[in-house]
Every structure is written in C-alpha cells, then in structure tokens.
C-alpha cells in the first residue's frame, strides 16, 4: 500500500553541522515527508551527535541524524530486558517481565494496520554503538501530558482533545501496556496528541487492563478493529511479537469490540461512536 504524507508538516532541525568546529548552515524547513521517507531516513542517515534523555525509565538517547540534506533528531531505545519476575516501583510483581524496544516497532506497525499511525511516530530497528534498538522520529512538541496536568493547562478544544484521548485509550487496551503513563503522551503545537514508548506493552494477557476507560470510539477505528486479522498482525510484527502475544492481542480486540457493541446497545450509537 503506498505511503501517505504525514498529516502535519514536519519541522526539520534548522541547523546542520558539517563537522566539529565548523560553522553551521541552514537547511530547508517545513518540508513534507511521507512515512516511507521518514523510515528510510531513520534507517540510513548518519548519526552525527547523541545525548541521553532525562525522561523515561529507560533513558533513551536523543540522536541527531543527517543525510546531507536533512538533519533531524531521533530517539534511540536499546532496552531488551527479559526476567522471570520483576517487582516494579509501584510494588507490583510482574511474572515473565519484558521491557523491550521490539514492542515500539510492533506498536507502530500495528498502528498502520488500524489507521492510527498519525498518532504514533515511525519506529524502525537500527544498530548503534553495537546495540540493536528502536529509532523513532523526534517530534515537535510543546509539552507532555504530565506537564499539562501539572500546569493545569486546558486544551483549547476539549471535544477534539477528548476524541484523540479516546483513541489512545483504545490502543492502550489493545496492546496491554503495563507502563502507560502521562509522559508517554506528547502534545504537538496544534494540540495533536502523539503516543510514544511501548517497551512494556504486548503482555500475553487475554483480558482488558482497564475496560472502563473505553467509553467512546472513532467509527473508522472500530471498523478497522473488526476487520483486523491475526495473519496480518503476525506478518506486520513477526520479528517483534511471539505467537502468544499475537493471540492475546486478538482476544483483547474481540473484548474491545464486544465492549463497544454493548455500550451501543445500552446508550445508542450516536452516544458512543463519533
């Protein structure tokens, strides 16, 4: 299927350093890139700088990439931890604990299948400093949800905001992310929501994590969920998810659809779907 242009125009880094100690020069700004172009850039552009991020449990590195024409930052997460059990900071003990960059790539590939890739940055697998990890396009954001809540800033359009958040909640239930938190929701300049960081998602749970969070749903998203096939999920995530993870995801898909069908029956379609 051909790639479509990114919904919002990508703002590129304004400065490209030719080499250490040389003067910077400006590159073109506000250039529209397709998802395929972004993917190719992430896979092949030269890494010219790096800096460790101060956010996130795994402290991903912020890398600056350049292909000679475009310079842009990306987030690199090499975490790939597998333990028989793990006690989290909350005190909860997780059996068969997994914290892996592979889930980031699986989440993006899944989002393409259900039409939510406009809310999740492109993730690819790349080797850096001898480690494989996920590399994602660095997004232009004004704040994350933790900052917004702390500063008590209200969205300018509460209805549009809520509709975006309803989609995020559906996606979180589909992927069963045990570490979804407010820093994983980024807010763009036009109040576009981006959901990031899925390293602890795709638990093999055949139940919903928080079914009461599912109160409304985008019509097209619900139709995409109904049409989702296990074979397509397997093909899109075969390097990153196990058979058990895919099976559990499909069970959760069924439960999500069942939940909304029941809500529609109780309250009417116009109250649930938008």
C-alpha atoms as a PDB file:
ATOM      1  CA  UNK A   1       0.000   0.000   0.000  1.00  0.00           C
ATOM      2  CA  UNK A   2       1.534   3.394  -0.913  1.00  0.00           C
ATOM      3  CA  UNK A   3       2.554   5.628   1.945  1.00  0.00           C
ATOM      4  CA  UNK A   4       0.570   8.793   2.522  1.00  0.00           C
ATOM      5  CA  UNK A   5       2.100  12.148   3.512  1.00  0.00           C
ATOM      6  CA  UNK A   6       2.473  12.913   7.208  1.00  0.00           C
ATOM      7  CA  UNK A   7      -0.676  14.660   8.387  1.00  0.00           C
ATOM      8  CA  UNK A   8       1.162  17.613   9.892  1.00  0.00           C
ATOM      9  CA  UNK A   9       4.084  19.190   8.059  1.00  0.00           C
ATOM     10  CA  UNK A  10       7.347  18.075   9.603  1.00  0.00           C
ATOM     11  CA  UNK A  11       9.509  20.841  11.038  1.00  0.00           C
ATOM     12  CA  UNK A  12      13.119  19.913  10.390  1.00  0.00           C
ATOM     13  CA  UNK A  13      16.087  20.918  12.513  1.00  0.00           C
ATOM     14  CA  UNK A  14      17.259  24.347  11.481  1.00  0.00           C
ATOM     15  CA  UNK A  15      20.965  23.715  11.764  1.00  0.00           C
ATOM     16  CA  UNK A  16      23.272  21.148  10.207  1.00  0.00           C
ATOM     17  CA  UNK A  17      26.851  20.934  11.475  1.00  0.00           C
ATOM     18  CA  UNK A  18      29.273  19.899   8.746  1.00  0.00           C
ATOM     19  CA  UNK A  19      31.892  18.749  11.221  1.00  0.00           C
ATOM     20  CA  UNK A  20      33.130  19.553  14.683  1.00  0.00           C
ATOM     21  CA  UNK A  21      34.260  23.137  14.845  1.00  0.00           C
ATOM     22  CA  UNK A  22      32.800  24.193  11.516  1.00  0.00           C
ATOM     23  CA  UNK A  23      30.196  26.857  11.063  1.00  0.00           C
ATOM     24  CA  UNK A  24      26.570  25.704  10.804  1.00  0.00           C
ATOM     25  CA  UNK A  25      24.371  26.328   7.805  1.00  0.00           C
ATOM     26  CA  UNK A  26      20.625  26.295   7.449  1.00  0.00           C
ATOM     27  CA  UNK A  27      18.607  23.546   5.810  1.00  0.00           C
ATOM     28  CA  UNK A  28      15.099  23.761   4.373  1.00  0.00           C
ATOM     29  CA  UNK A  29      12.332  23.903   6.946  1.00  0.00           C
ATOM     30  CA  UNK A  30       8.704  22.846   6.868  1.00  0.00           C
ATOM     31  CA  UNK A  31       9.316  20.063   4.330  1.00  0.00           C
ATOM     32  CA  UNK A  32       6.591  17.435   3.939  1.00  0.00           C
ATOM     33  CA  UNK A  33       7.862  13.859   4.192  1.00  0.00           C
ATOM     34  CA  UNK A  34       5.990  10.619   3.663  1.00  0.00           C
ATOM     35  CA  UNK A  35       6.162   7.868   6.256  1.00  0.00           C
ATOM     36  CA  UNK A  36       8.334   5.841   3.865  1.00  0.00           C
ATOM     37  CA  UNK A  37      10.748   8.754   3.517  1.00  0.00           C
ATOM     38  CA  UNK A  38      10.927   9.121   7.295  1.00  0.00           C
ATOM     39  CA  UNK A  39      11.539   5.378   7.652  1.00  0.00           C
ATOM     40  CA  UNK A  40      14.320   5.458   5.063  1.00  0.00           C
ATOM     41  CA  UNK A  41      15.924   8.468   6.746  1.00  0.00           C
ATOM     42  CA  UNK A  42      15.912   6.748  10.140  1.00  0.00           C
ATOM     43  CA  UNK A  43      17.421   3.589   8.665  1.00  0.00           C
ATOM     44  CA  UNK A  44      20.184   5.186   6.609  1.00  0.00           C
ATOM     45  CA  UNK A  45      21.044   8.732   7.763  1.00  0.00           C
ATOM     46  CA  UNK A  46      24.376   9.254   9.505  1.00  0.00           C
ATOM     47  CA  UNK A  47      24.317   9.724  13.268  1.00  0.00           C
ATOM     48  CA  UNK A  48      26.315  12.879  13.993  1.00  0.00           C
ATOM     49  CA  UNK A  49      25.509  13.637  17.655  1.00  0.00           C
ATOM     50  CA  UNK A  50      23.992  11.974  20.709  1.00  0.00           C
ATOM     51  CA  UNK A  51      22.624  12.982  24.095  1.00  0.00           C
ATOM     52  CA  UNK A  52      20.956  10.929  26.826  1.00  0.00           C
ATOM     53  CA  UNK A  53      17.366  11.923  27.540  1.00  0.00           C
ATOM     54  CA  UNK A  54      16.365  12.735  31.108  1.00  0.00           C
ATOM     55  CA  UNK A  55      12.841  11.352  30.642  1.00  0.00           C
ATOM     56  CA  UNK A  56      11.593   7.787  30.687  1.00  0.00           C
ATOM     57  CA  UNK A  57      12.586   4.812  32.816  1.00  0.00           C
ATOM     58  CA  UNK A  58      14.996   3.526  30.168  1.00  0.00           C
ATOM     59  CA  UNK A  59      16.539   6.978  29.479  1.00  0.00           C
ATOM     60  CA  UNK A  60      16.574   6.735  25.675  1.00  0.00           C
ATOM     61  CA  UNK A  61      19.302   8.561  23.777  1.00  0.00           C
ATOM     62  CA  UNK A  62      18.479  11.557  21.618  1.00  0.00           C
ATOM     63  CA  UNK A  63      20.440  11.209  18.389  1.00  0.00           C
ATOM     64  CA  UNK A  64      20.923  13.780  15.655  1.00  0.00           C
ATOM     65  CA  UNK A  65      20.884  12.289  12.141  1.00  0.00           C
ATOM     66  CA  UNK A  66      21.825  13.799   8.794  1.00  0.00           C
ATOM     67  CA  UNK A  67      21.694  12.555   5.221  1.00  0.00           C
ATOM     68  CA  UNK A  68      23.448  15.636   3.817  1.00  0.00           C
ATOM     69  CA  UNK A  69      20.189  17.400   3.009  1.00  0.00           C
ATOM     70  CA  UNK A  70      18.024  16.869   6.081  1.00  0.00           C
ATOM     71  CA  UNK A  71      19.063  16.984   9.715  1.00  0.00           C
ATOM     72  CA  UNK A  72      16.642  15.731  12.333  1.00  0.00           C
ATOM     73  CA  UNK A  73      16.696  14.169  15.798  1.00  0.00           C
ATOM     74  CA  UNK A  74      15.522  10.697  16.747  1.00  0.00           C
ATOM     75  CA  UNK A  75      15.010   8.719  19.952  1.00  0.00           C
ATOM     76  CA  UNK A  76      17.016   5.507  20.378  1.00  0.00           C
ATOM     77  CA  UNK A  77      15.947   2.818  22.877  1.00  0.00           C
ATOM     78  CA  UNK A  78      18.090  -0.343  23.070  1.00  0.00           C
ATOM     79  CA  UNK A  79      16.390  -1.796  26.152  1.00  0.00           C
ATOM     80  CA  UNK A  80      15.670  -5.532  25.836  1.00  0.00           C
ATOM     81  CA  UNK A  81      15.152  -6.995  29.313  1.00  0.00           C
ATOM     82  CA  UNK A  82      13.513 -10.376  29.944  1.00  0.00           C
ATOM     83  CA  UNK A  83      13.072 -11.657  33.516  1.00  0.00           C
ATOM     84  CA  UNK A  84      11.055 -14.477  35.076  1.00  0.00           C
ATOM     85  CA  UNK A  85       9.714 -11.943  37.581  1.00  0.00           C
ATOM     86  CA  UNK A  86      10.160  -8.253  38.300  1.00  0.00           C
ATOM     87  CA  UNK A  87       8.977  -6.053  41.158  1.00  0.00           C
ATOM     88  CA  UNK A  88       8.098  -2.598  39.870  1.00  0.00           C
ATOM     89  CA  UNK A  89       8.474   0.715  41.701  1.00  0.00           C
ATOM     90  CA  UNK A  90       4.740   0.530  42.473  1.00  0.00           C
ATOM     91  CA  UNK A  91       5.320  -2.679  44.426  1.00  0.00           C
ATOM     92  CA  UNK A  92       3.586  -4.849  41.832  1.00  0.00           C
ATOM     93  CA  UNK A  93       5.377  -8.049  40.862  1.00  0.00           C
ATOM     94  CA  UNK A  94       5.181  -8.938  37.162  1.00  0.00           C
ATOM     95  CA  UNK A  95       5.714 -12.542  36.075  1.00  0.00           C
ATOM     96  CA  UNK A  96       7.619 -13.069  32.800  1.00  0.00           C
ATOM     97  CA  UNK A  97       8.579  -9.410  32.730  1.00  0.00           C
ATOM     98  CA  UNK A  98       9.557  -7.958  29.346  1.00  0.00           C
ATOM     99  CA  UNK A  99      10.849  -4.451  28.661  1.00  0.00           C
ATOM    100  CA  UNK A 100      11.904  -4.375  25.017  1.00  0.00           C
ATOM    101  CA  UNK A 101      12.483  -1.927  22.192  1.00  0.00           C
ATOM    102  CA  UNK A 102      10.867  -4.506  19.899  1.00  0.00           C
ATOM    103  CA  UNK A 103       7.454  -3.539  21.263  1.00  0.00           C
ATOM    104  CA  UNK A 104       7.943   0.021  19.981  1.00  0.00           C
ATOM    105  CA  UNK A 105       8.311  -1.241  16.431  1.00  0.00           C
ATOM    106  CA  UNK A 106       5.441  -3.694  16.825  1.00  0.00           C
ATOM    107  CA  UNK A 107       3.200  -0.883  18.120  1.00  0.00           C
ATOM    108  CA  UNK A 108       3.930   1.339  15.123  1.00  0.00           C
ATOM    109  CA  UNK A 109       3.438  -1.494  12.628  1.00  0.00           C
ATOM    110  CA  UNK A 110       0.139  -2.375  14.322  1.00  0.00           C
ATOM    111  CA  UNK A 111      -0.956   1.263  14.232  1.00  0.00           C
ATOM    112  CA  UNK A 112      -0.555   1.235  10.447  1.00  0.00           C
ATOM    113  CA  UNK A 113      -2.946  -1.713  10.211  1.00  0.00           C
ATOM    114  CA  UNK A 114      -5.714   0.081  12.102  1.00  0.00           C
ATOM    115  CA  UNK A 115      -5.188   3.628  10.836  1.00  0.00           C
ATOM    116  CA  UNK A 116      -3.626   5.104  13.964  1.00  0.00           C
ATOM    117  CA  UNK A 117      -0.169   5.788  12.549  1.00  0.00           C
ATOM    118  CA  UNK A 118      -0.970   9.514  12.539  1.00  0.00           C
ATOM    119  CA  UNK A 119      -0.776   9.381  16.359  1.00  0.00           C
ATOM    120  CA  UNK A 120       2.387   7.298  16.715  1.00  0.00           C
ATOM    121  CA  UNK A 121       5.836   8.245  15.379  1.00  0.00           C
ATOM    122  CA  UNK A 122       7.627   5.997  12.912  1.00  0.00           C
ATOM    123  CA  UNK A 123       9.770   3.377  14.687  1.00  0.00           C
ATOM    124  CA  UNK A 124      12.449   1.302  12.973  1.00  0.00           C
ATOM    125  CA  UNK A 125      15.124  -1.121  14.172  1.00  0.00           C
ATOM    126  CA  UNK A 126      18.702   0.137  13.977  1.00  0.00           C
ATOM    127  CA  UNK A 127      22.162  -0.741  15.261  1.00  0.00           C
ATOM    128  CA  UNK A 128      24.079   1.976  17.147  1.00  0.00           C
ATOM    129  CA  UNK A 129      27.222   1.582  19.222  1.00  0.00           C
ATOM    130  CA  UNK A 130      26.990  -2.175  18.912  1.00  0.00           C
ATOM    131  CA  UNK A 131      23.411  -2.374  20.190  1.00  0.00           C
ATOM    132  CA  UNK A 132      20.162  -3.009  18.362  1.00  0.00           C
ATOM    133  CA  UNK A 133      17.302  -0.763  19.370  1.00  0.00           C
ATOM    134  CA  UNK A 134      14.280   1.166  18.172  1.00  0.00           C
ATOM    135  CA  UNK A 135      14.825   4.508  16.496  1.00  0.00           C
ATOM    136  CA  UNK A 136      11.909   6.920  16.239  1.00  0.00           C
ATOM    137  CA  UNK A 137      11.364  10.294  14.606  1.00  0.00           C
ATOM    138  CA  UNK A 138      11.746  13.094  17.148  1.00  0.00           C
ATOM    139  CA  UNK A 139       8.500  15.021  17.293  1.00  0.00           C
ATOM    140  CA  UNK A 140       7.894  18.775  17.544  1.00  0.00           C
ATOM    141  CA  UNK A 141       6.048  19.072  20.856  1.00  0.00           C
ATOM    142  CA  UNK A 142       5.111  21.835  23.261  1.00  0.00           C
ATOM    143  CA  UNK A 143       4.765  19.616  26.348  1.00  0.00           C
ATOM    144  CA  UNK A 144       3.785  16.156  27.515  1.00  0.00           C
ATOM    145  CA  UNK A 145       0.613  15.260  29.339  1.00  0.00           C
ATOM    146  CA  UNK A 146       2.380  15.239  32.711  1.00  0.00           C
ATOM    147  CA  UNK A 147       3.428  18.869  32.177  1.00  0.00           C
ATOM    148  CA  UNK A 148      -0.056  19.851  31.002  1.00  0.00           C
ATOM    149  CA  UNK A 149      -1.729  18.348  34.047  1.00  0.00           C
ATOM    150  CA  UNK A 150       0.839  19.802  36.464  1.00  0.00           C
ATOM    151  CA  UNK A 151       0.397  23.285  34.992  1.00  0.00           C
ATOM    152  CA  UNK A 152      -3.392  22.900  34.775  1.00  0.00           C
ATOM    153  CA  UNK A 153      -3.476  23.892  31.107  1.00  0.00           C
ATOM    154  CA  UNK A 154      -6.779  23.170  29.394  1.00  0.00           C
ATOM    155  CA  UNK A 155      -6.893  22.176  25.698  1.00  0.00           C
ATOM    156  CA  UNK A 156      -8.387  24.911  23.510  1.00  0.00           C
ATOM    157  CA  UNK A 157     -10.872  22.426  22.005  1.00  0.00           C
ATOM    158  CA  UNK A 158     -11.957  19.942  24.664  1.00  0.00           C
ATOM    159  CA  UNK A 159     -14.097  17.907  22.264  1.00  0.00           C
ATOM    160  CA  UNK A 160     -11.240  17.396  19.788  1.00  0.00           C
ATOM    161  CA  UNK A 161      -8.906  16.586  22.675  1.00  0.00           C
ATOM    162  CA  UNK A 162     -11.264  14.001  24.158  1.00  0.00           C
ATOM    163  CA  UNK A 163     -11.734  12.301  20.795  1.00  0.00           C
ATOM    164  CA  UNK A 164      -7.971  11.896  20.465  1.00  0.00           C
ATOM    165  CA  UNK A 165      -7.686  10.547  24.001  1.00  0.00           C
ATOM    166  CA  UNK A 166     -10.483   8.024  23.408  1.00  0.00           C
ATOM    167  CA  UNK A 167      -8.438   6.605  20.520  1.00  0.00           C
ATOM    168  CA  UNK A 168      -5.319   6.433  22.684  1.00  0.00           C
ATOM    169  CA  UNK A 169      -7.241   4.515  25.332  1.00  0.00           C
ATOM    170  CA  UNK A 170      -8.481   2.008  22.776  1.00  0.00           C
ATOM    171  CA  UNK A 171      -4.932   1.482  21.534  1.00  0.00           C
ATOM    172  CA  UNK A 172      -3.600   1.089  25.086  1.00  0.00           C
ATOM    173  CA  UNK A 173      -6.158  -1.633  25.782  1.00  0.00           C
ATOM    174  CA  UNK A 174      -5.348  -3.379  22.506  1.00  0.00           C
ATOM    175  CA  UNK A 175      -1.620  -3.545  23.250  1.00  0.00           C
ATOM    176  CA  UNK A 176      -1.972  -4.018  27.030  1.00  0.00           C
ATOM    177  CA  UNK A 177       0.748  -1.559  28.047  1.00  0.00           C
ATOM    178  CA  UNK A 178       1.650  -2.080  31.704  1.00  0.00           C
ATOM    179  CA  UNK A 179       3.686   1.133  31.833  1.00  0.00           C
ATOM    180  CA  UNK A 180       1.441   3.653  30.102  1.00  0.00           C
ATOM    181  CA  UNK A 181       1.946   6.997  31.852  1.00  0.00           C
ATOM    182  CA  UNK A 182       1.463  10.710  31.249  1.00  0.00           C
ATOM    183  CA  UNK A 183       4.998  11.247  29.907  1.00  0.00           C
ATOM    184  CA  UNK A 184       4.141   8.855  27.065  1.00  0.00           C
ATOM    185  CA  UNK A 185       1.521  11.271  25.709  1.00  0.00           C
ATOM    186  CA  UNK A 186       3.134  14.153  23.813  1.00  0.00           C
ATOM    187  CA  UNK A 187       1.291  17.291  22.713  1.00  0.00           C
ATOM    188  CA  UNK A 188       2.168  18.952  19.406  1.00  0.00           C
ATOM    189  CA  UNK A 189       1.986  22.663  18.529  1.00  0.00           C
ATOM    190  CA  UNK A 190      -1.604  22.348  17.286  1.00  0.00           C
ATOM    191  CA  UNK A 191      -2.637  20.116  20.209  1.00  0.00           C
ATOM    192  CA  UNK A 192      -2.049  16.966  18.182  1.00  0.00           C
ATOM    193  CA  UNK A 193      -1.558  14.000  20.526  1.00  0.00           C
ATOM    194  CA  UNK A 194       1.315  11.590  19.958  1.00  0.00           C
ATOM    195  CA  UNK A 195       1.586   8.329  21.901  1.00  0.00           C
ATOM    196  CA  UNK A 196       5.137   7.032  22.408  1.00  0.00           C
ATOM    197  CA  UNK A 197       7.192   4.421  24.303  1.00  0.00           C
ATOM    198  CA  UNK A 198       5.655   0.940  24.270  1.00  0.00           C
ATOM    199  CA  UNK A 199       8.550  -1.132  25.651  1.00  0.00           C
ATOM    200  CA  UNK A 200       6.397  -2.828  28.301  1.00  0.00           C
ATOM    201  CA  UNK A 201       3.377  -3.416  26.080  1.00  0.00           C
ATOM    202  CA  UNK A 202       2.004  -6.578  24.473  1.00  0.00           C
ATOM    203  CA  UNK A 203       1.617  -8.606  27.640  1.00  0.00           C
ATOM    204  CA  UNK A 204       0.116 -12.044  26.845  1.00  0.00           C
ATOM    205  CA  UNK A 205      -2.997 -11.194  28.886  1.00  0.00           C
ATOM    206  CA  UNK A 206      -6.305 -12.331  27.441  1.00  0.00           C
ATOM    207  CA  UNK A 207      -8.273  -9.638  29.200  1.00  0.00           C
ATOM    208  CA  UNK A 208      -8.541  -5.851  29.173  1.00  0.00           C
ATOM    209  CA  UNK A 209      -6.392  -3.797  31.519  1.00  0.00           C
ATOM    210  CA  UNK A 210      -8.949  -1.031  32.198  1.00  0.00           C
ATOM    211  CA  UNK A 211     -12.205  -1.713  30.303  1.00  0.00           C
ATOM    212  CA  UNK A 212     -13.984   1.193  31.995  1.00  0.00           C
ATOM    213  CA  UNK A 213     -11.641   3.554  30.134  1.00  0.00           C
ATOM    214  CA  UNK A 214     -13.436   2.575  26.928  1.00  0.00           C
ATOM    215  CA  UNK A 215     -16.360   4.989  26.748  1.00  0.00           C
ATOM    216  CA  UNK A 216     -16.386   6.278  23.157  1.00  0.00           C
ATOM    217  CA  UNK A 217     -14.712   5.259  19.911  1.00  0.00           C
ATOM    218  CA  UNK A 218     -13.897   6.644  16.489  1.00  0.00           C
ATOM    219  CA  UNK A 219     -16.112   4.890  13.915  1.00  0.00           C
ATOM    220  CA  UNK A 220     -13.299   4.160  11.486  1.00  0.00           C
ATOM    221  CA  UNK A 221     -11.099   2.815  14.248  1.00  0.00           C
ATOM    222  CA  UNK A 222     -13.825   0.430  15.408  1.00  0.00           C
ATOM    223  CA  UNK A 223     -14.364  -0.808  11.841  1.00  0.00           C
ATOM    224  CA  UNK A 224     -10.619  -1.298  11.447  1.00  0.00           C
ATOM    225  CA  UNK A 225     -10.512  -3.307  14.654  1.00  0.00           C
ATOM    226  CA  UNK A 226     -13.364  -5.503  13.458  1.00  0.00           C
ATOM    227  CA  UNK A 227     -11.529  -6.120  10.173  1.00  0.00           C
ATOM    228  CA  UNK A 228      -8.175  -6.833  11.821  1.00  0.00           C
ATOM    229  CA  UNK A 229      -6.868 -10.334  11.063  1.00  0.00           C
ATOM    230  CA  UNK A 230      -4.370 -12.338  13.100  1.00  0.00           C
ATOM    231  CA  UNK A 231      -2.433 -13.225   9.942  1.00  0.00           C
ATOM    232  CA  UNK A 232      -1.963  -9.550   9.134  1.00  0.00           C
ATOM    233  CA  UNK A 233      -0.780  -8.778  12.674  1.00  0.00           C
ATOM    234  CA  UNK A 234       1.619 -11.711  12.524  1.00  0.00           C
ATOM    235  CA  UNK A 235       3.040 -10.585   9.194  1.00  0.00           C
ATOM    236  CA  UNK A 236       3.492  -6.991  10.388  1.00  0.00           C
ATOM    237  CA  UNK A 237       5.099  -7.931  13.721  1.00  0.00           C
ATOM    238  CA  UNK A 238       6.770 -11.281  13.026  1.00  0.00           C
ATOM    239  CA  UNK A 239      10.233 -10.104  14.110  1.00  0.00           C
ATOM    240  CA  UNK A 240       8.955  -8.477  17.264  1.00  0.00           C
ATOM    241  CA  UNK A 241       5.979 -10.356  18.765  1.00  0.00           C
ATOM    242  CA  UNK A 242       5.564 -14.003  19.686  1.00  0.00           C
ATOM    243  CA  UNK A 243       2.641 -16.180  18.618  1.00  0.00           C
ATOM    244  CA  UNK A 244       1.242 -15.977  22.177  1.00  0.00           C
ATOM    245  CA  UNK A 245       1.403 -12.184  22.124  1.00  0.00           C
ATOM    246  CA  UNK A 246      -0.483 -12.017  18.837  1.00  0.00           C
ATOM    247  CA  UNK A 247      -3.128 -14.474  20.074  1.00  0.00           C
ATOM    248  CA  UNK A 248      -3.641 -12.439  23.248  1.00  0.00           C
ATOM    249  CA  UNK A 249      -3.897  -9.228  21.220  1.00  0.00           C
ATOM    250  CA  UNK A 250      -6.650 -10.733  19.080  1.00  0.00           C
ATOM    251  CA  UNK A 251      -8.557 -11.814  22.194  1.00  0.00           C
ATOM    252  CA  UNK A 252      -8.315  -8.257  23.510  1.00  0.00           C
ATOM    253  CA  UNK A 253      -9.505  -6.978  20.136  1.00  0.00           C
ATOM    254  CA  UNK A 254     -12.603  -9.153  20.490  1.00  0.00           C
ATOM    255  CA  UNK A 255     -13.203  -7.842  24.011  1.00  0.00           C
ATOM    256  CA  UNK A 256     -12.854  -4.223  22.872  1.00  0.00           C
ATOM    257  CA  UNK A 257     -15.366  -4.755  20.050  1.00  0.00           C
ATOM    258  CA  UNK A 258     -17.696  -6.559  22.451  1.00  0.00           C
ATOM    259  CA  UNK A 259     -17.410  -3.701  24.942  1.00  0.00           C
ATOM    260  CA  UNK A 260     -18.405  -1.071  22.390  1.00  0.00           C
ATOM    261  CA  UNK A 261     -21.187  -3.213  20.959  1.00  0.00           C
ATOM    262  CA  UNK A 262     -22.636  -3.485  24.458  1.00  0.00           C
ATOM    263  CA  UNK A 263     -22.316   0.260  25.076  1.00  0.00           C
ATOM    264  CA  UNK A 264     -24.037   0.975  21.754  1.00  0.00           C
ATOM    265  CA  UNK A 265     -26.841  -1.387  22.706  1.00  0.00           C
ATOM    266  CA  UNK A 266     -27.276   0.368  26.059  1.00  0.00           C
ATOM    267  CA  UNK A 267     -26.821   4.028  25.078  1.00  0.00           C
ATOM    268  CA  UNK A 268     -27.275   4.202  21.320  1.00  0.00           C
ATOM    269  CA  UNK A 269     -24.725   4.513  18.535  1.00  0.00           C
ATOM    270  CA  UNK A 270     -24.720   8.332  18.496  1.00  0.00           C
ATOM    271  CA  UNK A 271     -23.663   8.432  22.151  1.00  0.00           C
ATOM    272  CA  UNK A 272     -20.725   6.069  21.675  1.00  0.00           C
ATOM    273  CA  UNK A 273     -19.343   6.480  18.149  1.00  0.00           C
ATOM    274  CA  UNK A 274     -18.056   9.689  16.586  1.00  0.00           C
END
